[in-house]
């Protein structure tokens, strides 16, 4: 019959280390004015005895709950989900619990209720997750006494800490890739002209092309972030006999729509026209290991991780923090 091993307590550590219970507690929780030698002796004793502190007791001693709240508009949305997963994974690895609140960020009454509930729970930090840059999220930073960080959204308070995609770098990356393939007659199909993400990607694309002495062959085609718009744009390019050898689609939906129409018309991709999209839909959403569409991953999961790391880091750096994109080469430029 196995004999259960007696659990080592903080009192045991204090007794073996030759210090008081309060001194042992302060040393292991990182607090108190204790000499380096004493702290080291207590830590070594705890390690030797295989002392495992009680998480709740440790939290109470530190005056912290080891809990971070995640506020989001729609937790189930395609683009918020990977940000939340990235943040939750990082927080879990650092022994932080996550409280997920679907707060309906655009509805003032719902948000006020969420704020009251969270403040009652003594959380250690708040991560606000949005759905992109198409609208600004109302700042809630002043409603909390703990750090607040925003991810994949813009706060209406410019001094808030915000983690967002580097859309200008996305445009530059697409241009660099197409230029490296020897493509010079490049067209761009994207969303509405007043969409901030679309604007920044256009700026990045034009900057890169200009540095190479190249300009877009025609005006940018503005529409929506949909596959249907990609098909409409491709039909126009064919009807007007655009002489192009590459298309940069504002996202993967648009790029797919363009490719479908080109394929039906006998235009070969990538032999005749190379094609690049944005979002890594095949990898992120469909979870395909092999990519058909060359795309640029905006880094949503990494953005969540970075925002969570910053939140736990203590010192807040206000303003925008840009998540670098990643090029994923598929068959449409291969």
C-alpha atoms as a PDB file:
ATOM      1  CA  UNK A   1       0.000   0.000   0.000  1.00  0.00           C
ATOM      2  CA  UNK A   2       1.424   3.356  -1.033  1.00  0.00           C
ATOM      3  CA  UNK A   3       2.003   5.933   1.691  1.00  0.00           C
ATOM      4  CA  UNK A   4       0.894   9.411   0.696  1.00  0.00           C
ATOM      5  CA  UNK A   5       3.589  12.030   0.985  1.00  0.00           C
ATOM      6  CA  UNK A   6       2.853  14.827   3.465  1.00  0.00           C
ATOM      7  CA  UNK A   7       2.363  18.133   1.691  1.00  0.00           C
ATOM      8  CA  UNK A   8       5.045  20.669   2.514  1.00  0.00           C
ATOM      9  CA  UNK A   9       3.636  23.872   4.008  1.00  0.00           C
ATOM     10  CA  UNK A  10       4.993  27.395   4.221  1.00  0.00           C
ATOM     11  CA  UNK A  11       5.544  26.789   7.941  1.00  0.00           C
ATOM     12  CA  UNK A  12       7.848  23.883   7.062  1.00  0.00           C
ATOM     13  CA  UNK A  13       9.879  26.115   4.740  1.00  0.00           C
ATOM     14  CA  UNK A  14      10.131  28.832   7.400  1.00  0.00           C
ATOM     15  CA  UNK A  15      11.238  26.357  10.065  1.00  0.00           C
ATOM     16  CA  UNK A  16      13.953  24.749   7.926  1.00  0.00           C
ATOM     17  CA  UNK A  17      15.195  28.134   6.676  1.00  0.00           C
ATOM     18  CA  UNK A  18      15.243  29.481  10.233  1.00  0.00           C
ATOM     19  CA  UNK A  19      12.979  32.476   9.595  1.00  0.00           C
ATOM     20  CA  UNK A  20       9.523  33.610  10.637  1.00  0.00           C
ATOM     21  CA  UNK A  21       6.425  32.627   8.689  1.00  0.00           C
ATOM     22  CA  UNK A  22       5.870  36.214   7.512  1.00  0.00           C
ATOM     23  CA  UNK A  23       9.470  36.514   6.281  1.00  0.00           C
ATOM     24  CA  UNK A  24       9.149  33.279   4.295  1.00  0.00           C
ATOM     25  CA  UNK A  25       5.881  34.498   2.787  1.00  0.00           C
ATOM     26  CA  UNK A  26       7.350  37.857   1.767  1.00  0.00           C
ATOM     27  CA  UNK A  27      10.443  36.248   0.261  1.00  0.00           C
ATOM     28  CA  UNK A  28       8.508  33.771  -1.886  1.00  0.00           C
ATOM     29  CA  UNK A  29       5.994  36.404  -2.999  1.00  0.00           C
ATOM     30  CA  UNK A  30       8.710  38.869  -4.024  1.00  0.00           C
ATOM     31  CA  UNK A  31       7.821  41.468  -1.411  1.00  0.00           C
ATOM     32  CA  UNK A  32       9.202  42.917   1.788  1.00  0.00           C
ATOM     33  CA  UNK A  33      12.580  44.338   2.755  1.00  0.00           C
ATOM     34  CA  UNK A  34      14.606  41.158   3.001  1.00  0.00           C
ATOM     35  CA  UNK A  35      18.329  40.770   2.416  1.00  0.00           C
ATOM     36  CA  UNK A  36      19.365  39.025  -0.787  1.00  0.00           C
ATOM     37  CA  UNK A  37      21.096  36.274   1.201  1.00  0.00           C
ATOM     38  CA  UNK A  38      17.999  35.551   3.295  1.00  0.00           C
ATOM     39  CA  UNK A  39      15.722  35.559   0.255  1.00  0.00           C
ATOM     40  CA  UNK A  40      18.073  33.160  -1.548  1.00  0.00           C
ATOM     41  CA  UNK A  41      18.189  30.818   1.475  1.00  0.00           C
ATOM     42  CA  UNK A  42      14.382  30.717   1.668  1.00  0.00           C
ATOM     43  CA  UNK A  43      13.998  30.130  -2.070  1.00  0.00           C
ATOM     44  CA  UNK A  44      16.569  27.320  -2.034  1.00  0.00           C
ATOM     45  CA  UNK A  45      14.818  25.740   0.946  1.00  0.00           C
ATOM     46  CA  UNK A  46      11.447  25.887  -0.807  1.00  0.00           C
ATOM     47  CA  UNK A  47      12.965  24.283  -3.886  1.00  0.00           C
ATOM     48  CA  UNK A  48      14.693  21.543  -1.882  1.00  0.00           C
ATOM     49  CA  UNK A  49      11.492  20.708   0.003  1.00  0.00           C
ATOM     50  CA  UNK A  50       9.446  20.814  -3.220  1.00  0.00           C
ATOM     51  CA  UNK A  51       7.163  23.459  -1.728  1.00  0.00           C
ATOM     52  CA  UNK A  52       4.220  24.312  -3.979  1.00  0.00           C
ATOM     53  CA  UNK A  53       2.355  27.439  -2.881  1.00  0.00           C
ATOM     54  CA  UNK A  54      -1.417  27.600  -2.874  1.00  0.00           C
ATOM     55  CA  UNK A  55      -2.482  29.785  -5.787  1.00  0.00           C
ATOM     56  CA  UNK A  56      -5.381  31.418  -3.950  1.00  0.00           C
ATOM     57  CA  UNK A  57      -3.313  32.142  -0.864  1.00  0.00           C
ATOM     58  CA  UNK A  58      -0.542  33.586  -3.008  1.00  0.00           C
ATOM     59  CA  UNK A  59      -3.018  35.838  -4.809  1.00  0.00           C
ATOM     60  CA  UNK A  60      -4.429  37.093  -1.513  1.00  0.00           C
ATOM     61  CA  UNK A  61      -0.934  37.782  -0.179  1.00  0.00           C
ATOM     62  CA  UNK A  62      -0.060  39.786  -3.269  1.00  0.00           C
ATOM     63  CA  UNK A  63      -3.400  41.579  -3.378  1.00  0.00           C
ATOM     64  CA  UNK A  64      -3.936  40.221  -6.885  1.00  0.00           C
ATOM     65  CA  UNK A  65      -6.468  37.850  -8.405  1.00  0.00           C
ATOM     66  CA  UNK A  66      -4.253  36.472 -11.197  1.00  0.00           C
ATOM     67  CA  UNK A  67      -7.219  37.100 -13.487  1.00  0.00           C
ATOM     68  CA  UNK A  68      -7.354  39.129 -16.703  1.00  0.00           C
ATOM     69  CA  UNK A  69     -10.643  40.150 -18.291  1.00  0.00           C
ATOM     70  CA  UNK A  70     -11.071  39.992 -22.057  1.00  0.00           C
ATOM     71  CA  UNK A  71     -13.777  42.320 -23.378  1.00  0.00           C
ATOM     72  CA  UNK A  72     -14.936  41.770 -26.932  1.00  0.00           C
ATOM     73  CA  UNK A  73     -17.746  42.821 -29.216  1.00  0.00           C
ATOM     74  CA  UNK A  74     -18.326  39.360 -30.687  1.00  0.00           C
ATOM     75  CA  UNK A  75     -16.168  36.562 -29.314  1.00  0.00           C
ATOM     76  CA  UNK A  76     -17.293  34.181 -32.056  1.00  0.00           C
ATOM     77  CA  UNK A  77     -16.295  36.446 -34.955  1.00  0.00           C
ATOM     78  CA  UNK A  78     -13.784  35.185 -37.498  1.00  0.00           C
ATOM     79  CA  UNK A  79     -11.095  37.744 -36.735  1.00  0.00           C
ATOM     80  CA  UNK A  80     -11.577  38.301 -32.993  1.00  0.00           C
ATOM     81  CA  UNK A  81     -11.297  34.590 -32.213  1.00  0.00           C
ATOM     82  CA  UNK A  82      -7.580  34.108 -33.084  1.00  0.00           C
ATOM     83  CA  UNK A  83      -6.690  37.272 -31.152  1.00  0.00           C
ATOM     84  CA  UNK A  84      -8.500  35.911 -28.097  1.00  0.00           C
ATOM     85  CA  UNK A  85      -6.865  32.496 -28.511  1.00  0.00           C
ATOM     86  CA  UNK A  86      -3.407  34.071 -28.692  1.00  0.00           C
ATOM     87  CA  UNK A  87      -4.040  36.156 -25.584  1.00  0.00           C
ATOM     88  CA  UNK A  88      -5.610  33.305 -23.612  1.00  0.00           C
ATOM     89  CA  UNK A  89      -2.755  30.950 -24.484  1.00  0.00           C
ATOM     90  CA  UNK A  90      -0.140  33.438 -23.306  1.00  0.00           C
ATOM     91  CA  UNK A  91      -2.048  34.248 -20.120  1.00  0.00           C
ATOM     92  CA  UNK A  92      -2.523  30.563 -19.340  1.00  0.00           C
ATOM     93  CA  UNK A  93       1.183  29.921 -19.764  1.00  0.00           C
ATOM     94  CA  UNK A  94       1.790  32.631 -17.171  1.00  0.00           C
ATOM     95  CA  UNK A  95      -0.712  31.207 -14.682  1.00  0.00           C
ATOM     96  CA  UNK A  96      -3.353  33.853 -15.301  1.00  0.00           C
ATOM     97  CA  UNK A  97      -7.052  33.020 -15.438  1.00  0.00           C
ATOM     98  CA  UNK A  98      -9.145  34.573 -18.220  1.00  0.00           C
ATOM     99  CA  UNK A  99     -12.618  36.046 -17.845  1.00  0.00           C
ATOM    100  CA  UNK A 100     -14.215  36.421 -21.284  1.00  0.00           C
ATOM    101  CA  UNK A 101     -16.951  39.037 -21.563  1.00  0.00           C
ATOM    102  CA  UNK A 102     -18.914  39.471 -24.800  1.00  0.00           C
ATOM    103  CA  UNK A 103     -19.528  43.104 -23.973  1.00  0.00           C
ATOM    104  CA  UNK A 104     -21.103  44.459 -27.178  1.00  0.00           C
ATOM    105  CA  UNK A 105     -18.554  47.260 -27.233  1.00  0.00           C
ATOM    106  CA  UNK A 106     -20.727  49.621 -29.247  1.00  0.00           C
ATOM    107  CA  UNK A 107     -23.652  49.513 -26.812  1.00  0.00           C
ATOM    108  CA  UNK A 108     -23.124  51.867 -23.886  1.00  0.00           C
ATOM    109  CA  UNK A 109     -25.586  50.205 -21.479  1.00  0.00           C
ATOM    110  CA  UNK A 110     -24.153  46.708 -22.004  1.00  0.00           C
ATOM    111  CA  UNK A 111     -20.610  47.986 -21.567  1.00  0.00           C
ATOM    112  CA  UNK A 112     -21.480  49.789 -18.329  1.00  0.00           C
ATOM    113  CA  UNK A 113     -22.896  46.566 -16.912  1.00  0.00           C
ATOM    114  CA  UNK A 114     -19.762  44.617 -17.868  1.00  0.00           C
ATOM    115  CA  UNK A 115     -17.513  47.243 -16.295  1.00  0.00           C
ATOM    116  CA  UNK A 116     -19.423  47.107 -13.000  1.00  0.00           C
ATOM    117  CA  UNK A 117     -19.236  43.319 -12.926  1.00  0.00           C
ATOM    118  CA  UNK A 118     -15.511  43.230 -13.666  1.00  0.00           C
ATOM    119  CA  UNK A 119     -14.590  45.877 -11.118  1.00  0.00           C
ATOM    120  CA  UNK A 120     -16.377  43.795  -8.494  1.00  0.00           C
ATOM    121  CA  UNK A 121     -14.110  40.833  -9.344  1.00  0.00           C
ATOM    122  CA  UNK A 122     -10.788  42.580  -8.558  1.00  0.00           C
ATOM    123  CA  UNK A 123      -9.235  41.724 -11.917  1.00  0.00           C
ATOM    124  CA  UNK A 124      -5.556  42.486 -12.611  1.00  0.00           C
ATOM    125  CA  UNK A 125      -5.957  43.802 -16.155  1.00  0.00           C
ATOM    126  CA  UNK A 126      -8.324  44.248 -19.089  1.00  0.00           C
ATOM    127  CA  UNK A 127      -7.786  43.321 -22.735  1.00  0.00           C
ATOM    128  CA  UNK A 128     -10.284  44.841 -25.181  1.00  0.00           C
ATOM    129  CA  UNK A 129     -10.476  42.869 -28.451  1.00  0.00           C
ATOM    130  CA  UNK A 130     -12.144  44.391 -31.520  1.00  0.00           C
ATOM    131  CA  UNK A 131     -12.850  43.341 -35.093  1.00  0.00           C
ATOM    132  CA  UNK A 132     -10.616  45.645 -37.106  1.00  0.00           C
ATOM    133  CA  UNK A 133      -9.943  49.292 -37.793  1.00  0.00           C
ATOM    134  CA  UNK A 134     -13.215  50.202 -39.517  1.00  0.00           C
ATOM    135  CA  UNK A 135     -14.546  51.903 -36.381  1.00  0.00           C
ATOM    136  CA  UNK A 136     -13.091  53.222 -33.137  1.00  0.00           C
ATOM    137  CA  UNK A 137     -13.920  51.539 -29.860  1.00  0.00           C
ATOM    138  CA  UNK A 138     -15.030  53.739 -26.977  1.00  0.00           C
ATOM    139  CA  UNK A 139     -12.213  53.901 -24.449  1.00  0.00           C
ATOM    140  CA  UNK A 140     -12.922  52.201 -21.126  1.00  0.00           C
ATOM    141  CA  UNK A 141      -9.481  52.786 -19.601  1.00  0.00           C
ATOM    142  CA  UNK A 142     -10.697  55.453 -17.177  1.00  0.00           C
ATOM    143  CA  UNK A 143     -13.321  53.037 -15.839  1.00  0.00           C
ATOM    144  CA  UNK A 144     -10.692  50.698 -14.369  1.00  0.00           C
ATOM    145  CA  UNK A 145      -7.894  51.102 -11.831  1.00  0.00           C
ATOM    146  CA  UNK A 146      -5.888  48.338 -13.564  1.00  0.00           C
ATOM    147  CA  UNK A 147      -4.017  48.418 -16.918  1.00  0.00           C
ATOM    148  CA  UNK A 148      -6.161  48.271 -20.070  1.00  0.00           C
ATOM    149  CA  UNK A 149      -4.824  47.215 -23.479  1.00  0.00           C
ATOM    150  CA  UNK A 150      -6.629  47.168 -26.849  1.00  0.00           C
ATOM    151  CA  UNK A 151      -6.046  44.597 -29.606  1.00  0.00           C
ATOM    152  CA  UNK A 152      -7.260  44.591 -33.221  1.00  0.00           C
ATOM    153  CA  UNK A 153      -9.157  47.817 -32.677  1.00  0.00           C
ATOM    154  CA  UNK A 154      -8.534  51.533 -32.335  1.00  0.00           C
ATOM    155  CA  UNK A 155      -9.560  53.242 -29.117  1.00  0.00           C
ATOM    156  CA  UNK A 156     -11.074  56.708 -29.394  1.00  0.00           C
ATOM    157  CA  UNK A 157      -8.468  57.791 -26.827  1.00  0.00           C
ATOM    158  CA  UNK A 158      -5.099  58.114 -28.645  1.00  0.00           C
ATOM    159  CA  UNK A 159      -3.073  57.636 -25.454  1.00  0.00           C
ATOM    160  CA  UNK A 160      -4.478  54.151 -24.883  1.00  0.00           C
ATOM    161  CA  UNK A 161      -2.273  51.116 -25.604  1.00  0.00           C
ATOM    162  CA  UNK A 162      -3.350  49.598 -28.950  1.00  0.00           C
ATOM    163  CA  UNK A 163      -2.037  46.547 -30.828  1.00  0.00           C
ATOM    164  CA  UNK A 164      -3.017  46.592 -34.509  1.00  0.00           C
ATOM    165  CA  UNK A 165      -1.970  45.035 -37.834  1.00  0.00           C
ATOM    166  CA  UNK A 166       0.774  46.860 -39.719  1.00  0.00           C
ATOM    167  CA  UNK A 167      -1.333  47.489 -42.810  1.00  0.00           C
ATOM    168  CA  UNK A 168       1.259  49.681 -44.485  1.00  0.00           C
ATOM    169  CA  UNK A 169       3.801  46.857 -44.110  1.00  0.00           C
ATOM    170  CA  UNK A 170       1.235  44.460 -45.604  1.00  0.00           C
ATOM    171  CA  UNK A 171       1.010  46.606 -48.735  1.00  0.00           C
ATOM    172  CA  UNK A 172       4.781  46.860 -48.960  1.00  0.00           C
ATOM    173  CA  UNK A 173       5.164  43.102 -48.515  1.00  0.00           C
ATOM    174  CA  UNK A 174       2.749  42.371 -51.357  1.00  0.00           C
ATOM    175  CA  UNK A 175       4.560  44.806 -53.635  1.00  0.00           C
ATOM    176  CA  UNK A 176       8.001  43.475 -52.726  1.00  0.00           C
ATOM    177  CA  UNK A 177       6.933  39.903 -53.439  1.00  0.00           C
ATOM    178  CA  UNK A 178       5.415  40.698 -56.830  1.00  0.00           C
ATOM    179  CA  UNK A 179       8.395  42.835 -57.857  1.00  0.00           C
ATOM    180  CA  UNK A 180      10.768  40.030 -56.836  1.00  0.00           C
ATOM    181  CA  UNK A 181       8.896  37.765 -59.256  1.00  0.00           C
ATOM    182  CA  UNK A 182       9.553  40.230 -62.062  1.00  0.00           C
ATOM    183  CA  UNK A 183       5.971  41.500 -62.217  1.00  0.00           C
ATOM    184  CA  UNK A 184       5.662  45.146 -63.189  1.00  0.00           C
ATOM    185  CA  UNK A 185       2.095  45.593 -64.458  1.00  0.00           C
ATOM    186  CA  UNK A 186       0.316  45.357 -61.129  1.00  0.00           C
ATOM    187  CA  UNK A 187      -3.353  46.052 -60.355  1.00  0.00           C
ATOM    188  CA  UNK A 188      -4.960  46.436 -56.942  1.00  0.00           C
ATOM    189  CA  UNK A 189      -8.522  45.517 -55.949  1.00  0.00           C
ATOM    190  CA  UNK A 190      -9.662  46.403 -52.451  1.00  0.00           C
ATOM    191  CA  UNK A 191     -12.484  47.641 -50.208  1.00  0.00           C
ATOM    192  CA  UNK A 192     -14.173  51.027 -49.871  1.00  0.00           C
ATOM    193  CA  UNK A 193     -11.980  54.100 -50.337  1.00  0.00           C
ATOM    194  CA  UNK A 194     -12.698  55.307 -46.788  1.00  0.00           C
ATOM    195  CA  UNK A 195     -11.643  52.035 -45.140  1.00  0.00           C
ATOM    196  CA  UNK A 196      -8.512  52.731 -43.054  1.00  0.00           C
ATOM    197  CA  UNK A 197      -6.951  49.286 -43.537  1.00  0.00           C
ATOM    198  CA  UNK A 198      -7.443  49.555 -47.308  1.00  0.00           C
ATOM    199  CA  UNK A 199      -5.942  53.051 -47.346  1.00  0.00           C
ATOM    200  CA  UNK A 200      -2.825  52.007 -45.443  1.00  0.00           C
ATOM    201  CA  UNK A 201      -2.261  48.945 -47.627  1.00  0.00           C
ATOM    202  CA  UNK A 202      -2.508  51.115 -50.745  1.00  0.00           C
ATOM    203  CA  UNK A 203       0.045  53.527 -49.283  1.00  0.00           C
ATOM    204  CA  UNK A 204       2.461  50.703 -48.519  1.00  0.00           C
ATOM    205  CA  UNK A 205       2.022  49.167 -51.965  1.00  0.00           C
ATOM    206  CA  UNK A 206       2.591  52.471 -53.751  1.00  0.00           C
ATOM    207  CA  UNK A 207       5.658  53.252 -51.637  1.00  0.00           C
ATOM    208  CA  UNK A 208       7.316  49.976 -52.597  1.00  0.00           C
ATOM    209  CA  UNK A 209       6.426  50.266 -56.275  1.00  0.00           C
ATOM    210  CA  UNK A 210       7.648  53.870 -56.382  1.00  0.00           C
ATOM    211  CA  UNK A 211      11.022  52.863 -54.950  1.00  0.00           C
ATOM    212  CA  UNK A 212      11.346  50.429 -57.869  1.00  0.00           C
ATOM    213  CA  UNK A 213      10.264  53.035 -60.428  1.00  0.00           C
ATOM    214  CA  UNK A 214       6.920  51.296 -60.983  1.00  0.00           C
ATOM    215  CA  UNK A 215       3.356  52.583 -60.706  1.00  0.00           C
ATOM    216  CA  UNK A 216       0.027  50.775 -60.612  1.00  0.00           C
ATOM    217  CA  UNK A 217      -1.200  50.118 -64.154  1.00  0.00           C
ATOM    218  CA  UNK A 218      -4.668  51.529 -63.465  1.00  0.00           C
ATOM    219  CA  UNK A 219      -6.613  53.228 -60.700  1.00  0.00           C
ATOM    220  CA  UNK A 220      -7.280  51.197 -57.586  1.00  0.00           C
ATOM    221  CA  UNK A 221     -10.614  49.386 -57.827  1.00  0.00           C
ATOM    222  CA  UNK A 222     -12.645  50.073 -54.680  1.00  0.00           C
ATOM    223  CA  UNK A 223     -15.621  48.001 -53.594  1.00  0.00           C
ATOM    224  CA  UNK A 224     -16.068  45.708 -50.583  1.00  0.00           C
ATOM    225  CA  UNK A 225     -14.189  42.946 -48.756  1.00  0.00           C
ATOM    226  CA  UNK A 226     -16.183  40.242 -50.575  1.00  0.00           C
ATOM    227  CA  UNK A 227     -15.583  37.522 -53.133  1.00  0.00           C
ATOM    228  CA  UNK A 228     -18.465  38.937 -55.176  1.00  0.00           C
ATOM    229  CA  UNK A 229     -16.609  42.248 -55.474  1.00  0.00           C
ATOM    230  CA  UNK A 230     -13.472  40.397 -56.570  1.00  0.00           C
ATOM    231  CA  UNK A 231     -15.467  38.764 -59.372  1.00  0.00           C
ATOM    232  CA  UNK A 232     -16.969  42.092 -60.437  1.00  0.00           C
ATOM    233  CA  UNK A 233     -13.547  43.752 -60.493  1.00  0.00           C
ATOM    234  CA  UNK A 234     -12.047  40.896 -62.531  1.00  0.00           C
ATOM    235  CA  UNK A 235     -14.870  41.128 -65.060  1.00  0.00           C
ATOM    236  CA  UNK A 236     -14.144  44.833 -65.476  1.00  0.00           C
ATOM    237  CA  UNK A 237     -10.416  44.209 -65.957  1.00  0.00           C
ATOM    238  CA  UNK A 238     -11.178  41.655 -68.657  1.00  0.00           C
ATOM    239  CA  UNK A 239     -13.829  43.795 -70.359  1.00  0.00           C
ATOM    240  CA  UNK A 240     -11.456  46.767 -70.506  1.00  0.00           C
ATOM    241  CA  UNK A 241      -8.495  44.609 -71.631  1.00  0.00           C
ATOM    242  CA  UNK A 242      -6.229  45.608 -68.779  1.00  0.00           C
ATOM    243  CA  UNK A 243      -2.663  44.562 -69.581  1.00  0.00           C
ATOM    244  CA  UNK A 244      -1.551  43.243 -66.210  1.00  0.00           C
ATOM    245  CA  UNK A 245       0.712  40.504 -64.914  1.00  0.00           C
ATOM    246  CA  UNK A 246      -0.250  40.658 -61.215  1.00  0.00           C
ATOM    247  CA  UNK A 247      -3.173  41.501 -58.948  1.00  0.00           C
ATOM    248  CA  UNK A 248      -2.960  42.345 -55.268  1.00  0.00           C
ATOM    249  CA  UNK A 249      -6.317  41.588 -53.665  1.00  0.00           C
ATOM    250  CA  UNK A 250      -7.140  43.543 -50.517  1.00  0.00           C
ATOM    251  CA  UNK A 251      -8.047  40.285 -48.802  1.00  0.00           C
ATOM    252  CA  UNK A 252      -8.334  36.586 -49.633  1.00  0.00           C
ATOM    253  CA  UNK A 253     -12.037  36.827 -50.477  1.00  0.00           C
ATOM    254  CA  UNK A 254     -11.363  39.431 -53.143  1.00  0.00           C
ATOM    255  CA  UNK A 255      -8.404  37.458 -54.490  1.00  0.00           C
ATOM    256  CA  UNK A 256     -10.515  34.303 -54.771  1.00  0.00           C
ATOM    257  CA  UNK A 257     -13.205  36.153 -56.689  1.00  0.00           C
ATOM    258  CA  UNK A 258     -10.609  37.511 -59.115  1.00  0.00           C
ATOM    259  CA  UNK A 259      -9.086  34.073 -59.629  1.00  0.00           C
ATOM    260  CA  UNK A 260     -12.446  32.408 -60.313  1.00  0.00           C
ATOM    261  CA  UNK A 261     -13.318  34.850 -63.097  1.00  0.00           C
ATOM    262  CA  UNK A 262      -9.830  34.709 -64.604  1.00  0.00           C
ATOM    263  CA  UNK A 263      -9.920  30.895 -64.617  1.00  0.00           C
ATOM    264  CA  UNK A 264     -13.288  30.871 -66.397  1.00  0.00           C
ATOM    265  CA  UNK A 265     -11.882  33.260 -69.015  1.00  0.00           C
ATOM    266  CA  UNK A 266      -8.762  31.150 -69.640  1.00  0.00           C
ATOM    267  CA  UNK A 267      -6.351  33.476 -67.842  1.00  0.00           C
ATOM    268  CA  UNK A 268      -3.739  31.292 -66.140  1.00  0.00           C
ATOM    269  CA  UNK A 269      -2.684  32.005 -62.565  1.00  0.00           C
ATOM    270  CA  UNK A 270       0.210  32.476 -61.932  1.00  0.00           C
ATOM    271  CA  UNK A 271       1.602  32.022 -65.454  1.00  0.00           C
ATOM    272  CA  UNK A 272      -0.310  34.970 -66.929  1.00  0.00           C
ATOM    273  CA  UNK A 273      -1.245  36.850 -63.775  1.00  0.00           C
ATOM    274  CA  UNK A 274       0.217  36.366 -60.287  1.00  0.00           C
ATOM    275  CA  UNK A 275      -2.211  36.806 -57.408  1.00  0.00           C
ATOM    276  CA  UNK A 276      -1.725  37.805 -53.750  1.00  0.00           C
ATOM    277  CA  UNK A 277      -4.356  38.101 -51.016  1.00  0.00           C
ATOM    278  CA  UNK A 278      -4.393  39.018 -47.328  1.00  0.00           C
ATOM    279  CA  UNK A 279      -5.599  37.240 -44.138  1.00  0.00           C
ATOM    280  CA  UNK A 280      -4.286  33.661 -44.586  1.00  0.00           C
ATOM    281  CA  UNK A 281      -7.851  32.389 -44.713  1.00  0.00           C
ATOM    282  CA  UNK A 282      -6.788  28.882 -45.775  1.00  0.00           C
ATOM    283  CA  UNK A 283      -4.446  28.473 -42.819  1.00  0.00           C
ATOM    284  CA  UNK A 284      -6.213  30.461 -40.132  1.00  0.00           C
ATOM    285  CA  UNK A 285      -9.833  29.579 -40.791  1.00  0.00           C
ATOM    286  CA  UNK A 286      -9.879  26.424 -42.928  1.00  0.00           C
ATOM    287  CA  UNK A 287      -6.650  25.078 -41.349  1.00  0.00           C
ATOM    288  CA  UNK A 288      -5.154  23.852 -44.617  1.00  0.00           C
ATOM    289  CA  UNK A 289      -1.478  22.935 -44.336  1.00  0.00           C
ATOM    290  CA  UNK A 290      -0.775  23.488 -48.046  1.00  0.00           C
ATOM    291  CA  UNK A 291      -1.653  26.878 -49.470  1.00  0.00           C
ATOM    292  CA  UNK A 292      -3.179  27.453 -52.864  1.00  0.00           C
ATOM    293  CA  UNK A 293      -3.434  31.216 -52.535  1.00  0.00           C
ATOM    294  CA  UNK A 294      -0.352  33.285 -51.806  1.00  0.00           C
ATOM    295  CA  UNK A 295      -1.406  35.438 -48.882  1.00  0.00           C
ATOM    296  CA  UNK A 296      -0.175  37.691 -46.112  1.00  0.00           C
ATOM    297  CA  UNK A 297      -0.975  36.688 -42.541  1.00  0.00           C
ATOM    298  CA  UNK A 298      -1.686  39.834 -40.513  1.00  0.00           C
ATOM    299  CA  UNK A 299      -0.632  38.087 -37.274  1.00  0.00           C
ATOM    300  CA  UNK A 300      -3.860  37.981 -35.256  1.00  0.00           C
ATOM    301  CA  UNK A 301      -2.745  35.223 -32.875  1.00  0.00           C
ATOM    302  CA  UNK A 302       0.616  36.899 -32.329  1.00  0.00           C
ATOM    303  CA  UNK A 303      -1.186  40.191 -31.776  1.00  0.00           C
ATOM    304  CA  UNK A 304      -3.181  38.639 -28.947  1.00  0.00           C
ATOM    305  CA  UNK A 305      -0.011  37.207 -27.412  1.00  0.00           C
ATOM    306  CA  UNK A 306       1.820  40.538 -27.679  1.00  0.00           C
ATOM    307  CA  UNK A 307      -1.083  42.478 -26.168  1.00  0.00           C
ATOM    308  CA  UNK A 308      -1.337  40.033 -23.257  1.00  0.00           C
ATOM    309  CA  UNK A 309       2.429  40.147 -22.667  1.00  0.00           C
ATOM    310  CA  UNK A 310       2.358  43.934 -22.601  1.00  0.00           C
ATOM    311  CA  UNK A 311      -0.570  43.885 -20.191  1.00  0.00           C
ATOM    312  CA  UNK A 312       1.325  41.654 -17.760  1.00  0.00           C
ATOM    313  CA  UNK A 313       4.568  43.561 -18.214  1.00  0.00           C
ATOM    314  CA  UNK A 314       3.555  46.313 -15.834  1.00  0.00           C
ATOM    315  CA  UNK A 315       4.773  49.447 -17.609  1.00  0.00           C
ATOM    316  CA  UNK A 316       2.270  50.606 -20.235  1.00  0.00           C
ATOM    317  CA  UNK A 317       3.533  52.182 -23.487  1.00  0.00           C
ATOM    318  CA  UNK A 318       0.720  54.358 -24.883  1.00  0.00           C
ATOM    319  CA  UNK A 319      -0.125  54.605 -28.559  1.00  0.00           C
ATOM    320  CA  UNK A 320      -0.019  52.185 -31.458  1.00  0.00           C
ATOM    321  CA  UNK A 321       1.970  48.938 -31.450  1.00  0.00           C
ATOM    322  CA  UNK A 322       2.169  47.317 -34.884  1.00  0.00           C
ATOM    323  CA  UNK A 323       2.072  43.546 -35.380  1.00  0.00           C
ATOM    324  CA  UNK A 324       4.413  42.516 -38.238  1.00  0.00           C
ATOM    325  CA  UNK A 325       2.818  40.501 -41.074  1.00  0.00           C
ATOM    326  CA  UNK A 326       4.073  37.243 -42.593  1.00  0.00           C
ATOM    327  CA  UNK A 327       4.152  36.310 -46.281  1.00  0.00           C
ATOM    328  CA  UNK A 328       2.876  32.796 -47.032  1.00  0.00           C
ATOM    329  CA  UNK A 329       3.725  31.745 -50.574  1.00  0.00           C
ATOM    330  CA  UNK A 330       1.219  29.518 -52.334  1.00  0.00           C
ATOM    331  CA  UNK A 331       0.489  28.346 -55.856  1.00  0.00           C
ATOM    332  CA  UNK A 332      -0.880  31.661 -57.135  1.00  0.00           C
ATOM    333  CA  UNK A 333       2.607  33.181 -57.279  1.00  0.00           C
ATOM    334  CA  UNK A 334       4.621  29.936 -57.277  1.00  0.00           C
END
